[in-house]
Amino acid sequence: MRFSYELLATTLLLGVTLACNTGPHSSAGFRLPNGDAGRGKNVFLALECHRCHQVAGVVLPRTESQPVSPVVLGGATTRRITDGYLVTSIVYPQYVTAPGTRERISAGAVPMMPDYAERVSARDLADLAAFLHGQYIETISTPTPAYY
């Protein structure tokens, strides 16, 4: 239980110390400490995330049970991917899901994705976020004014 209180306190502290920018560390979520993408990939593999997820552009080891339709992470997106979005997707996946994957994340009332809230440290979350941030290509376009 102590760990979950520490994680909650860390999350709240990070949320309070927001910066006003629009990048992956946007105030729309909260700011994680800078993570290490290499360690994040190792955490991804250690937690066996690759059993149900593929990561666009990353070769991952095959597992015994490959899903018929894996959830693909990374690649081109029109959504701003923030630290808050990634962490919430990991520790509470039923709350935030990628478009079109809600029906795959839960079968009935039983979540298919394990609960990682008490299994991952804040450092692991920062590293996972660094790894995953590097796999997304944000294609957010800014509207251009029409001149007539």
N, C-alpha and C. Protein backbone atom coordinates (compact mmCIF):
# COMPACT_ATOMS: atom_id res chain seq x y z
N MET A 1 0.81 -1.19 0.00
CA MET A 1 0.00 0.00 0.00
C MET A 1 0.86 1.26 0.00
N ARG A 2 2.00 1.21 0.72
CA ARG A 2 2.86 2.38 0.82
C ARG A 2 3.29 2.84 -0.56
N PHE A 3 3.61 1.89 -1.45
CA PHE A 3 4.07 2.25 -2.79
C PHE A 3 3.00 3.01 -3.56
N SER A 4 1.74 2.59 -3.45
CA SER A 4 0.69 3.27 -4.20
C SER A 4 0.50 4.69 -3.70
N TYR A 5 0.70 4.93 -2.37
CA TYR A 5 0.62 6.29 -1.85
C TYR A 5 1.77 7.13 -2.37
N GLU A 6 2.96 6.52 -2.47
CA GLU A 6 4.11 7.24 -3.00
C GLU A 6 3.89 7.59 -4.47
N LEU A 7 3.33 6.66 -5.23
CA LEU A 7 3.05 6.92 -6.64
C LEU A 7 2.01 8.03 -6.77
N LEU A 8 0.98 7.99 -5.94
CA LEU A 8 -0.05 9.02 -5.98
C LEU A 8 0.54 10.37 -5.60
N ALA A 9 1.36 10.40 -4.54
CA ALA A 9 1.98 11.65 -4.11
C ALA A 9 2.90 12.20 -5.20
N THR A 10 3.68 11.33 -5.84
CA THR A 10 4.57 11.75 -6.91
C THR A 10 3.77 12.31 -8.08
N THR A 11 2.69 11.62 -8.44
CA THR A 11 1.84 12.07 -9.54
C THR A 11 1.22 13.42 -9.23
N LEU A 12 0.72 13.60 -8.03
CA LEU A 12 0.13 14.88 -7.65
C LEU A 12 1.16 16.00 -7.63
N LEU A 13 2.34 15.71 -7.10
CA LEU A 13 3.41 16.69 -7.08
C LEU A 13 3.79 17.11 -8.49
N LEU A 14 3.91 16.14 -9.38
CA LEU A 14 4.23 16.46 -10.77
C LEU A 14 3.13 17.27 -11.42
N GLY A 15 1.89 16.96 -11.09
CA GLY A 15 0.75 17.69 -11.65
C GLY A 15 0.73 19.14 -11.21
N VAL A 16 1.17 19.40 -9.98
CA VAL A 16 1.16 20.75 -9.44
C VAL A 16 2.27 21.60 -10.06
N THR A 17 3.35 20.97 -10.47
CA THR A 17 4.50 21.71 -11.01
C THR A 17 4.51 21.73 -12.53
N LEU A 18 3.39 22.01 -13.11
CA LEU A 18 3.27 21.98 -14.57
C LEU A 18 3.92 23.19 -15.23
N ALA A 19 4.41 22.96 -16.41
CA ALA A 19 4.92 24.05 -17.24
C ALA A 19 3.89 24.32 -18.33
N CYS A 20 3.86 25.54 -18.83
CA CYS A 20 2.88 25.89 -19.86
C CYS A 20 3.49 25.70 -21.24
N ASN A 21 3.49 24.48 -21.72
CA ASN A 21 3.95 24.22 -23.08
C ASN A 21 3.01 23.22 -23.71
N THR A 22 3.24 22.87 -24.97
CA THR A 22 2.31 21.99 -25.66
C THR A 22 2.96 20.71 -26.15
N GLY A 23 4.16 20.38 -25.71
CA GLY A 23 4.85 19.17 -26.16
C GLY A 23 4.43 17.95 -25.37
N PRO A 24 5.23 16.90 -25.41
CA PRO A 24 4.90 15.68 -24.69
C PRO A 24 4.81 15.91 -23.18
N HIS A 25 5.44 16.95 -22.68
CA HIS A 25 5.40 17.27 -21.26
C HIS A 25 4.41 18.40 -21.01
N SER A 26 3.33 18.41 -21.77
CA SER A 26 2.33 19.46 -21.74
C SER A 26 1.61 19.58 -20.42
N SER A 27 1.13 20.76 -20.14
CA SER A 27 0.33 20.98 -18.94
C SER A 27 -1.03 20.32 -19.05
N ALA A 28 -1.35 19.77 -20.22
CA ALA A 28 -2.60 19.04 -20.37
C ALA A 28 -2.57 17.74 -19.58
N GLY A 29 -1.43 17.31 -19.16
CA GLY A 29 -1.28 16.10 -18.36
C GLY A 29 -0.44 16.45 -17.16
N PHE A 30 0.70 15.85 -17.06
CA PHE A 30 1.68 16.22 -16.05
C PHE A 30 3.05 15.86 -16.58
N ARG A 31 4.06 16.37 -15.94
CA ARG A 31 5.43 16.18 -16.43
C ARG A 31 6.14 15.11 -15.64
N LEU A 32 6.63 14.13 -16.34
CA LEU A 32 7.47 13.10 -15.73
C LEU A 32 8.91 13.55 -15.79
N PRO A 33 9.75 13.03 -14.91
CA PRO A 33 11.18 13.28 -15.07
C PRO A 33 11.62 12.67 -16.40
N ASN A 34 12.70 13.18 -16.97
CA ASN A 34 13.18 12.62 -18.23
C ASN A 34 13.52 11.15 -18.02
N GLY A 35 13.01 10.32 -18.92
CA GLY A 35 13.26 8.89 -18.85
C GLY A 35 14.29 8.46 -19.86
N ASP A 36 14.68 7.22 -19.78
CA ASP A 36 15.64 6.63 -20.69
C ASP A 36 14.90 5.65 -21.60
N ALA A 37 14.87 5.95 -22.90
CA ALA A 37 14.12 5.13 -23.85
C ALA A 37 14.62 3.69 -23.92
N GLY A 38 15.94 3.49 -23.79
CA GLY A 38 16.49 2.13 -23.81
C GLY A 38 16.00 1.32 -22.62
N ARG A 39 16.02 1.94 -21.44
CA ARG A 39 15.49 1.25 -20.26
C ARG A 39 13.98 1.05 -20.41
N GLY A 40 13.31 2.02 -21.04
CA GLY A 40 11.86 1.90 -21.25
C GLY A 40 11.51 0.70 -22.12
N LYS A 41 12.32 0.45 -23.13
CA LYS A 41 12.09 -0.73 -23.98
C LYS A 41 12.29 -2.00 -23.16
N ASN A 42 13.30 -2.00 -22.29
CA ASN A 42 13.54 -3.17 -21.42
C ASN A 42 12.37 -3.39 -20.46
N VAL A 43 11.82 -2.31 -19.92
CA VAL A 43 10.66 -2.42 -19.03
C VAL A 43 9.47 -2.96 -19.81
N PHE A 44 9.28 -2.46 -21.03
CA PHE A 44 8.21 -2.91 -21.92
C PHE A 44 8.29 -4.43 -22.11
N LEU A 45 9.50 -4.91 -22.35
CA LEU A 45 9.69 -6.36 -22.54
C LEU A 45 9.55 -7.12 -21.23
N ALA A 46 10.09 -6.59 -20.13
CA ALA A 46 10.01 -7.27 -18.83
C ALA A 46 8.56 -7.43 -18.37
N LEU A 47 7.73 -6.43 -18.65
CA LEU A 47 6.31 -6.51 -18.27
C LEU A 47 5.50 -7.33 -19.29
N GLU A 48 6.18 -7.79 -20.33
CA GLU A 48 5.57 -8.57 -21.40
C GLU A 48 4.46 -7.83 -22.12
N CYS A 49 4.64 -6.53 -22.28
CA CYS A 49 3.66 -5.72 -23.02
C CYS A 49 3.56 -6.18 -24.47
N HIS A 50 4.67 -6.73 -24.98
CA HIS A 50 4.71 -7.16 -26.38
C HIS A 50 3.87 -8.42 -26.63
N ARG A 51 3.29 -8.99 -25.58
CA ARG A 51 2.38 -10.13 -25.77
C ARG A 51 1.09 -9.67 -26.43
N CYS A 52 0.69 -8.41 -26.18
CA CYS A 52 -0.56 -7.89 -26.73
C CYS A 52 -0.37 -6.64 -27.59
N HIS A 53 0.83 -6.06 -27.54
CA HIS A 53 1.09 -4.81 -28.27
C HIS A 53 2.23 -4.98 -29.25
N GLN A 54 2.09 -4.32 -30.37
CA GLN A 54 3.20 -4.11 -31.29
C GLN A 54 3.56 -2.64 -31.18
N VAL A 55 4.79 -2.30 -31.50
CA VAL A 55 5.21 -0.91 -31.50
C VAL A 55 5.67 -0.59 -32.92
N ALA A 56 5.02 0.39 -33.53
CA ALA A 56 5.32 0.74 -34.91
C ALA A 56 6.81 1.03 -35.09
N GLY A 57 7.43 0.36 -36.04
CA GLY A 57 8.83 0.59 -36.36
C GLY A 57 9.83 -0.07 -35.43
N VAL A 58 9.37 -0.88 -34.47
CA VAL A 58 10.27 -1.52 -33.52
C VAL A 58 10.12 -3.03 -33.64
N VAL A 59 11.23 -3.72 -33.80
CA VAL A 59 11.21 -5.17 -33.85
C VAL A 59 11.29 -5.69 -32.42
N LEU A 60 10.29 -6.45 -32.04
CA LEU A 60 10.23 -7.02 -30.69
C LEU A 60 10.22 -8.53 -30.78
N PRO A 61 10.72 -9.21 -29.76
CA PRO A 61 10.71 -10.67 -29.78
C PRO A 61 9.27 -11.21 -29.84
N ARG A 62 9.10 -12.30 -30.53
CA ARG A 62 7.78 -12.94 -30.60
C ARG A 62 7.55 -13.70 -29.30
N THR A 63 6.29 -13.79 -28.93
CA THR A 63 5.92 -14.53 -27.73
C THR A 63 5.14 -15.77 -28.15
N GLU A 64 4.95 -16.67 -27.19
CA GLU A 64 4.20 -17.90 -27.49
C GLU A 64 2.80 -17.61 -27.98
N SER A 65 2.12 -16.71 -27.31
CA SER A 65 0.73 -16.42 -27.67
C SER A 65 0.63 -15.02 -28.25
N GLN A 66 0.66 -14.92 -29.55
CA GLN A 66 0.48 -13.64 -30.23
C GLN A 66 -1.01 -13.40 -30.41
N PRO A 67 -1.50 -12.19 -30.10
CA PRO A 67 -2.92 -11.90 -30.31
C PRO A 67 -3.25 -11.86 -31.79
N VAL A 68 -4.48 -12.19 -32.11
CA VAL A 68 -4.93 -12.15 -33.50
C VAL A 68 -4.85 -10.72 -34.03
N SER A 69 -5.26 -9.78 -33.21
CA SER A 69 -5.26 -8.38 -33.60
C SER A 69 -4.59 -7.54 -32.51
N PRO A 70 -3.25 -7.45 -32.53
CA PRO A 70 -2.56 -6.72 -31.47
C PRO A 70 -2.86 -5.22 -31.51
N VAL A 71 -2.79 -4.59 -30.36
CA VAL A 71 -2.94 -3.14 -30.27
C VAL A 71 -1.59 -2.54 -30.64
N VAL A 72 -1.58 -1.73 -31.68
CA VAL A 72 -0.33 -1.14 -32.17
C VAL A 72 -0.13 0.21 -31.49
N LEU A 73 1.03 0.37 -30.91
CA LEU A 73 1.42 1.62 -30.28
C LEU A 73 2.41 2.33 -31.19
N GLY A 74 2.41 3.64 -31.17
CA GLY A 74 3.35 4.39 -31.99
C GLY A 74 2.80 4.64 -33.38
N GLY A 75 3.64 5.19 -34.22
CA GLY A 75 3.23 5.51 -35.58
C GLY A 75 2.64 6.92 -35.66
N ALA A 76 2.05 7.22 -36.79
CA ALA A 76 1.47 8.54 -37.02
C ALA A 76 0.19 8.70 -36.21
N THR A 77 0.02 9.87 -35.61
CA THR A 77 -1.18 10.16 -34.83
C THR A 77 -1.51 11.64 -34.94
N THR A 78 -2.78 11.94 -34.90
CA THR A 78 -3.21 13.34 -34.87
C THR A 78 -3.47 13.79 -33.44
N ARG A 79 -3.27 12.90 -32.49
CA ARG A 79 -3.48 13.20 -31.07
C ARG A 79 -2.15 13.61 -30.44
N ARG A 80 -2.19 14.60 -29.57
CA ARG A 80 -1.00 14.97 -28.83
C ARG A 80 -0.77 13.92 -27.75
N ILE A 81 0.38 13.28 -27.78
CA ILE A 81 0.72 12.22 -26.83
C ILE A 81 1.49 12.86 -25.68
N THR A 82 0.87 12.94 -24.51
CA THR A 82 1.49 13.57 -23.35
C THR A 82 1.91 12.51 -22.35
N ASP A 83 2.71 12.93 -21.39
CA ASP A 83 3.08 12.02 -20.29
C ASP A 83 1.83 11.52 -19.59
N GLY A 84 0.89 12.42 -19.34
CA GLY A 84 -0.34 12.04 -18.64
C GLY A 84 -1.13 10.99 -19.40
N TYR A 85 -1.22 11.14 -20.71
CA TYR A 85 -1.93 10.18 -21.54
C TYR A 85 -1.27 8.80 -21.46
N LEU A 86 0.05 8.77 -21.58
CA LEU A 86 0.76 7.49 -21.56
C LEU A 86 0.67 6.81 -20.21
N VAL A 87 0.90 7.56 -19.13
CA VAL A 87 0.85 6.97 -17.79
C VAL A 87 -0.55 6.48 -17.47
N THR A 88 -1.56 7.27 -17.80
CA THR A 88 -2.93 6.85 -17.54
C THR A 88 -3.26 5.61 -18.35
N SER A 89 -2.79 5.54 -19.56
CA SER A 89 -3.03 4.35 -20.40
C SER A 89 -2.40 3.10 -19.80
N ILE A 90 -1.30 3.27 -19.08
CA ILE A 90 -0.60 2.13 -18.49
C ILE A 90 -1.25 1.71 -17.17
N VAL A 91 -1.51 2.68 -16.29
CA VAL A 91 -2.01 2.31 -14.96
C VAL A 91 -3.53 2.23 -14.88
N TYR A 92 -4.24 2.79 -15.84
CA TYR A 92 -5.71 2.73 -15.84
C TYR A 92 -6.20 2.69 -17.30
N PRO A 93 -5.91 1.61 -18.00
CA PRO A 93 -6.18 1.57 -19.45
C PRO A 93 -7.65 1.67 -19.83
N GLN A 94 -8.55 1.36 -18.92
CA GLN A 94 -9.97 1.47 -19.25
C GLN A 94 -10.41 2.93 -19.35
N TYR A 95 -9.64 3.85 -18.78
CA TYR A 95 -10.00 5.27 -18.80
C TYR A 95 -9.62 5.93 -20.12
N VAL A 96 -8.40 5.68 -20.57
CA VAL A 96 -7.90 6.29 -21.81
C VAL A 96 -7.55 5.18 -22.78
N THR A 97 -8.15 5.21 -23.94
CA THR A 97 -7.80 4.21 -24.96
C THR A 97 -7.61 4.90 -26.29
N ALA A 98 -6.82 4.27 -27.12
CA ALA A 98 -6.63 4.77 -28.48
C ALA A 98 -7.92 4.58 -29.26
N PRO A 99 -8.18 5.44 -30.23
CA PRO A 99 -9.40 5.29 -31.01
C PRO A 99 -9.52 3.90 -31.61
N GLY A 100 -10.69 3.29 -31.47
CA GLY A 100 -10.95 1.99 -32.08
C GLY A 100 -10.48 0.80 -31.28
N THR A 101 -9.89 1.02 -30.10
CA THR A 101 -9.39 -0.13 -29.35
C THR A 101 -10.18 -0.42 -28.08
N ARG A 102 -11.16 0.42 -27.74
CA ARG A 102 -11.91 0.23 -26.50
C ARG A 102 -12.50 -1.18 -26.42
N GLU A 103 -13.06 -1.66 -27.51
CA GLU A 103 -13.67 -3.00 -27.49
C GLU A 103 -12.64 -4.11 -27.33
N ARG A 104 -11.40 -3.84 -27.72
CA ARG A 104 -10.35 -4.86 -27.57
C ARG A 104 -9.72 -4.84 -26.18
N ILE A 105 -9.83 -3.72 -25.48
CA ILE A 105 -9.18 -3.61 -24.18
C ILE A 105 -9.95 -4.36 -23.11
N SER A 106 -11.24 -4.45 -23.24
CA SER A 106 -11.97 -5.21 -22.23
C SER A 106 -12.95 -6.16 -22.91
N ALA A 107 -13.03 -7.34 -22.37
CA ALA A 107 -13.98 -8.33 -22.85
C ALA A 107 -15.04 -8.46 -21.76
N GLY A 108 -16.20 -7.88 -21.98
CA GLY A 108 -17.21 -7.85 -20.94
C GLY A 108 -16.76 -6.89 -19.85
N ALA A 109 -16.85 -7.31 -18.61
CA ALA A 109 -16.45 -6.46 -17.48
C ALA A 109 -15.04 -6.78 -17.00
N VAL A 110 -14.37 -7.74 -17.62
CA VAL A 110 -13.04 -8.15 -17.18
C VAL A 110 -11.98 -7.50 -18.08
N PRO A 111 -11.15 -6.60 -17.51
CA PRO A 111 -10.12 -5.97 -18.34
C PRO A 111 -9.11 -6.99 -18.85
N MET A 112 -8.74 -6.86 -20.11
CA MET A 112 -7.74 -7.77 -20.68
C MET A 112 -6.33 -7.33 -20.30
N MET A 113 -6.13 -6.02 -20.12
CA MET A 113 -4.81 -5.52 -19.76
C MET A 113 -4.64 -5.61 -18.26
N PRO A 114 -3.51 -6.17 -17.81
CA PRO A 114 -3.28 -6.28 -16.36
C PRO A 114 -3.21 -4.91 -15.69
N ASP A 115 -3.44 -4.89 -14.40
CA ASP A 115 -3.33 -3.67 -13.60
C ASP A 115 -1.87 -3.47 -13.23
N TYR A 116 -1.28 -2.38 -13.70
CA TYR A 116 0.12 -2.11 -13.44
C TYR A 116 0.31 -1.03 -12.37
N ALA A 117 -0.78 -0.54 -11.79
CA ALA A 117 -0.68 0.58 -10.85
C ALA A 117 0.27 0.30 -9.70
N GLU A 118 0.33 -0.91 -9.21
CA GLU A 118 1.20 -1.23 -8.08
C GLU A 118 2.42 -2.06 -8.49
N ARG A 119 2.59 -2.27 -9.79
CA ARG A 119 3.70 -3.10 -10.26
C ARG A 119 4.80 -2.31 -10.95
N VAL A 120 4.58 -1.01 -11.16
CA VAL A 120 5.54 -0.22 -11.90
C VAL A 120 5.97 0.98 -11.05
N SER A 121 7.25 1.24 -11.03
CA SER A 121 7.76 2.39 -10.27
C SER A 121 7.62 3.66 -11.11
N ALA A 122 7.77 4.79 -10.45
CA ALA A 122 7.73 6.06 -11.17
C ALA A 122 8.86 6.11 -12.20
N ARG A 123 10.03 5.57 -11.88
CA ARG A 123 11.16 5.53 -12.83
C ARG A 123 10.79 4.69 -14.04
N ASP A 124 10.15 3.52 -13.80
CA ASP A 124 9.71 2.68 -14.92
C ASP A 124 8.73 3.42 -15.81
N LEU A 125 7.80 4.16 -15.19
CA LEU A 125 6.82 4.92 -15.98
C LEU A 125 7.51 5.99 -16.82
N ALA A 126 8.48 6.69 -16.23
CA ALA A 126 9.22 7.71 -16.97
C ALA A 126 9.97 7.09 -18.14
N ASP A 127 10.59 5.92 -17.90
CA ASP A 127 11.33 5.24 -18.96
C ASP A 127 10.39 4.71 -20.05
N LEU A 128 9.27 4.11 -19.64
CA LEU A 128 8.28 3.64 -20.62
C LEU A 128 7.77 4.80 -21.47
N ALA A 129 7.47 5.92 -20.82
CA ALA A 129 7.00 7.10 -21.56
C ALA A 129 8.05 7.57 -22.55
N ALA A 130 9.31 7.60 -22.15
CA ALA A 130 10.37 8.03 -23.06
C ALA A 130 10.46 7.09 -24.26
N PHE A 131 10.36 5.79 -24.01
CA PHE A 131 10.40 4.82 -25.11
C PHE A 131 9.23 5.02 -26.05
N LEU A 132 8.02 5.13 -25.50
CA LEU A 132 6.84 5.25 -26.34
C LEU A 132 6.75 6.60 -27.05
N HIS A 133 7.15 7.69 -26.36
CA HIS A 133 7.15 9.01 -27.03
C HIS A 133 7.96 8.96 -28.31
N GLY A 134 9.08 8.27 -28.27
CA GLY A 134 9.95 8.20 -29.44
C GLY A 134 9.36 7.42 -30.60
N GLN A 135 8.27 6.71 -30.38
CA GLN A 135 7.68 5.89 -31.43
C GLN A 135 6.51 6.57 -32.12
N TYR A 136 5.99 7.64 -31.54
CA TYR A 136 4.86 8.35 -32.14
C TYR A 136 5.34 9.47 -33.03
N ILE A 137 4.65 9.65 -34.14
CA ILE A 137 4.91 10.75 -35.05
C ILE A 137 3.64 11.59 -35.06
N GLU A 138 3.70 12.72 -34.38
CA GLU A 138 2.51 13.58 -34.29
C GLU A 138 2.34 14.34 -35.60
N THR A 139 1.19 14.19 -36.19
CA THR A 139 0.89 14.86 -37.45
C THR A 139 -0.20 15.91 -37.21
N ILE A 140 -0.04 16.63 -36.12
CA ILE A 140 -1.02 17.66 -35.77
C ILE A 140 -0.77 18.84 -36.67
N SER A 141 -1.77 19.15 -37.46
CA SER A 141 -1.59 20.25 -38.40
C SER A 141 -2.21 21.52 -37.82
N THR A 142 -1.55 22.63 -38.09
CA THR A 142 -2.10 23.90 -37.68
C THR A 142 -2.89 24.45 -38.85
N PRO A 143 -4.08 24.94 -38.60
CA PRO A 143 -4.90 25.46 -39.71
C PRO A 143 -4.23 26.69 -40.34
N THR A 144 -4.29 26.72 -41.63
CA THR A 144 -3.75 27.88 -42.34
C THR A 144 -4.91 28.75 -42.75
N PRO A 145 -4.75 30.06 -42.60
CA PRO A 145 -5.85 30.96 -42.97
C PRO A 145 -6.06 30.96 -44.48
N ALA A 146 -7.30 31.04 -44.85
CA ALA A 146 -7.65 31.10 -46.28
C ALA A 146 -7.67 32.56 -46.71
N TYR A 147 -6.88 32.88 -47.70
CA TYR A 147 -6.83 34.24 -48.22
C TYR A 147 -7.54 34.24 -49.56
N TYR A 148 -8.49 35.13 -49.68
CA TYR A 148 -9.23 35.23 -50.94
C TYR A 148 -8.97 36.54 -51.61
